[in-house]
Amino acid sequence: MKIELEYIEKLVKLVSENELSEITLEEGEKAISVRKDKVVIPATTAAVAQPAPAVQTITAAKEEKTVQEAPSAERANLTKVTSPMVGTFYRASSPGSTSFTDVGKSVSAGQVVCIIEAMKMMNEIQAEVAGRVVEICVKDGEPVEYGQVLFLMEQ
C-alpha cells in the first residue's frame, strides 16, 4: 500500500465532514487509521508570579480593542485554561461566526470555549470547570504551544 499525503488528507476530510470518529484501512500487514478525539482541557489553578501587563483582545472583523487588567491579588485566584496541543487558536467555529465566549461571559463545565487546529483537524476545547472568563490570552488565528495559557477564569 503506497500512502501519499494527498490520500491521508482525503481520509481526514472524510472523517471530519461525516461526523465519523475513526476510520481504518488495511492492506496486508499495513494499515492506516485516522481518529478524531474530543479534547477536554484540565483547568489548573496557579498563582501568577508577576502581574501581567494589560492584555488587548482584538476582534479582527471590527478592529475593536478591549483592555482588561486585573490586580495581582485577584489574578492569584484565577483558573488557567491551557492548550493541550500545538496548533492554531480560533475563538469561533468559522470566520465571521460568533465567538464561543468573550471576556466577562460565564461558561459552564463542558462548554466549548475555542478550537485548536492541528494537522488540519479542528479540536474543540472545552472548559473543565464553570466560571467567568476574565482574560483571553491569545489572539484569534495565533499559533499556540502545548501548555500555553489560553484563558483565565474565575470560579
Protein backbone atom coordinates (compact mmCIF):
# COMPACT_ATOMS: atom_id res chain seq x y z
CA MET A 1 0.00 0.00 0.00
CA LYS A 2 1.59 3.25 -1.10
CA ILE A 3 0.30 6.06 1.11
CA GLU A 4 0.51 9.60 -0.17
CA LEU A 5 -0.09 12.78 1.78
CA GLU A 6 -2.98 13.70 -0.51
CA TYR A 7 -4.64 10.36 0.28
CA ILE A 8 -4.27 10.94 4.04
CA GLU A 9 -5.73 14.44 3.70
CA LYS A 10 -8.77 12.96 1.93
CA LEU A 11 -9.23 10.48 4.80
CA VAL A 12 -9.03 13.31 7.36
CA LYS A 13 -11.61 15.29 5.39
CA LEU A 14 -13.86 12.22 5.17
CA VAL A 15 -13.74 11.74 8.95
CA SER A 16 -14.39 15.40 9.78
CA GLU A 17 -17.18 16.01 7.24
CA ASN A 18 -19.13 12.84 8.02
CA GLU A 19 -19.08 13.04 11.81
CA LEU A 20 -17.03 9.85 11.99
CA SER A 21 -14.83 9.28 15.00
CA GLU A 22 -12.38 6.88 13.30
CA ILE A 23 -11.58 5.17 10.01
CA THR A 24 -9.03 2.38 9.47
CA LEU A 25 -7.88 0.96 6.14
CA GLU A 26 -5.83 -2.23 5.98
CA GLU A 27 -3.99 -3.94 3.15
CA GLY A 28 -1.95 -6.99 4.07
CA GLU A 29 0.25 -6.12 7.06
CA LYS A 30 0.00 -2.37 6.50
CA ALA A 31 -2.74 -0.18 7.95
CA ILE A 32 -3.62 3.49 8.32
CA SER A 33 -6.01 4.92 10.91
CA VAL A 34 -7.46 8.42 11.23
CA ARG A 35 -9.16 9.16 14.52
CA LYS A 36 -10.89 12.29 15.81
CA ASP A 37 -10.96 12.74 19.58
CA LYS A 38 -12.75 15.39 21.58
CA VAL A 39 -10.29 17.28 23.71
CA VAL A 40 -11.16 18.32 27.25
CA ILE A 41 -8.65 20.64 28.87
CA PRO A 42 -7.94 20.15 32.53
CA ALA A 43 -8.09 23.50 34.26
CA THR A 44 -5.43 24.22 36.83
CA THR A 45 -5.21 26.91 39.45
CA ALA A 46 -1.83 28.52 39.89
CA ALA A 47 -0.55 31.77 41.30
CA VAL A 48 0.88 34.27 38.84
CA ALA A 49 4.38 35.28 39.95
CA GLN A 50 4.37 38.73 38.38
CA PRO A 51 1.46 40.95 37.44
CA ALA A 52 0.85 40.74 33.72
CA PRO A 53 0.61 43.88 31.62
CA ALA A 54 -2.72 44.97 30.22
CA VAL A 55 -4.00 42.50 27.63
CA GLN A 56 -5.60 43.57 24.40
CA THR A 57 -8.24 41.40 22.83
CA ILE A 58 -8.66 42.30 19.18
CA THR A 59 -11.71 41.32 17.16
CA ALA A 60 -10.36 41.26 13.61
CA ALA A 61 -13.69 41.91 11.89
CA LYS A 62 -14.36 45.16 13.75
CA GLU A 63 -10.78 46.18 14.65
CA GLU A 64 -12.17 46.74 18.16
CA LYS A 65 -9.79 46.78 21.16
CA THR A 66 -10.70 45.92 24.73
CA VAL A 67 -8.21 46.31 27.54
CA GLN A 68 -8.64 44.02 30.54
CA GLU A 69 -6.44 44.48 33.60
CA ALA A 70 -6.83 42.71 36.95
CA PRO A 71 -4.92 43.50 40.14
CA SER A 72 -2.28 40.87 41.01
CA ALA A 73 -4.12 39.81 44.20
CA GLU A 74 -7.17 38.87 42.11
CA ARG A 75 -5.05 37.11 39.46
CA ALA A 76 -3.69 34.64 42.03
CA ASN A 77 -7.15 33.10 42.43
CA LEU A 78 -7.78 32.60 38.71
CA THR A 79 -8.03 29.24 36.93
CA LYS A 80 -5.88 28.77 33.85
CA VAL A 81 -7.22 27.01 30.76
CA THR A 82 -4.19 25.76 28.84
CA SER A 83 -3.62 24.33 25.37
CA PRO A 84 -3.45 20.52 25.24
CA MET A 85 -1.53 20.62 21.95
CA VAL A 86 0.46 22.66 19.46
CA GLY A 87 -1.74 24.28 16.83
CA THR A 88 -3.63 27.40 15.78
CA PHE A 89 -6.11 29.06 18.19
CA TYR A 90 -9.56 30.09 16.93
CA ARG A 91 -12.23 31.84 19.01
CA ALA A 92 -15.08 30.89 16.63
CA SER A 93 -16.07 27.87 14.52
CA SER A 94 -15.52 29.78 11.27
CA PRO A 95 -14.51 33.28 10.10
CA GLY A 96 -17.34 35.73 10.70
CA SER A 97 -19.10 33.45 13.23
CA THR A 98 -19.82 34.50 16.78
CA SER A 99 -17.05 33.72 19.27
CA PHE A 100 -17.57 30.76 21.60
CA THR A 101 -17.01 33.08 24.58
CA ASP A 102 -15.82 36.59 25.42
CA VAL A 103 -14.29 38.40 28.38
CA GLY A 104 -16.90 38.77 31.12
CA LYS A 105 -19.08 35.89 29.93
CA SER A 106 -19.85 32.87 32.08
CA VAL A 107 -19.12 29.37 30.78
CA SER A 108 -20.28 26.03 32.11
CA ALA A 109 -18.19 22.89 32.54
CA GLY A 110 -18.03 21.04 29.20
CA GLN A 111 -18.83 24.14 27.13
CA VAL A 112 -16.67 24.66 24.03
CA VAL A 113 -14.52 27.79 24.58
CA CYS A 114 -12.31 27.66 21.45
CA ILE A 115 -10.91 25.48 18.67
CA ILE A 116 -7.30 24.49 18.13
CA GLU A 117 -6.45 23.39 14.61
CA ALA A 118 -3.69 20.80 14.48
CA MET A 119 -2.74 18.95 11.28
CA LYS A 120 -5.91 20.17 9.54
CA MET A 121 -8.08 18.72 12.35
CA MET A 122 -10.33 21.06 14.30
CA ASN A 123 -10.21 20.17 18.01
CA GLU A 124 -12.94 21.62 20.22
CA ILE A 125 -11.54 22.73 23.56
CA GLN A 126 -13.98 22.55 26.45
CA ALA A 127 -13.92 24.24 29.84
CA GLU A 128 -13.45 21.67 32.57
CA VAL A 129 -14.94 23.94 35.23
CA ALA A 130 -17.69 26.54 35.28
CA GLY A 131 -16.69 30.16 35.72
CA ARG A 132 -16.43 33.63 34.22
CA VAL A 133 -13.82 34.45 31.56
CA VAL A 134 -11.57 37.19 32.93
CA GLU A 135 -8.96 37.24 30.17
CA ILE A 136 -8.38 35.76 26.72
CA CYS A 137 -4.61 35.40 26.48
CA VAL A 138 -4.27 34.51 22.78
CA LYS A 139 -5.31 36.37 19.63
CA ASP A 140 -7.56 34.67 17.10
CA GLY A 141 -5.54 32.80 14.47
CA GLU A 142 -2.36 32.86 16.56
CA PRO A 143 -0.19 29.73 16.93
CA VAL A 144 -0.16 28.16 20.41
CA GLU A 145 2.18 25.76 22.17
CA TYR A 146 1.38 22.81 24.42
CA GLY A 147 0.62 24.11 27.94
CA GLN A 148 0.24 27.75 26.85
CA VAL A 149 -2.43 29.66 28.79
CA LEU A 150 -5.45 30.37 26.58
CA PHE A 151 -7.93 31.79 29.11
CA LEU A 152 -8.00 32.97 32.71
CA MET A 153 -11.27 32.23 34.52
CA GLU A 154 -12.63 32.95 37.95
CA GLN A 155 -14.85 30.37 39.56
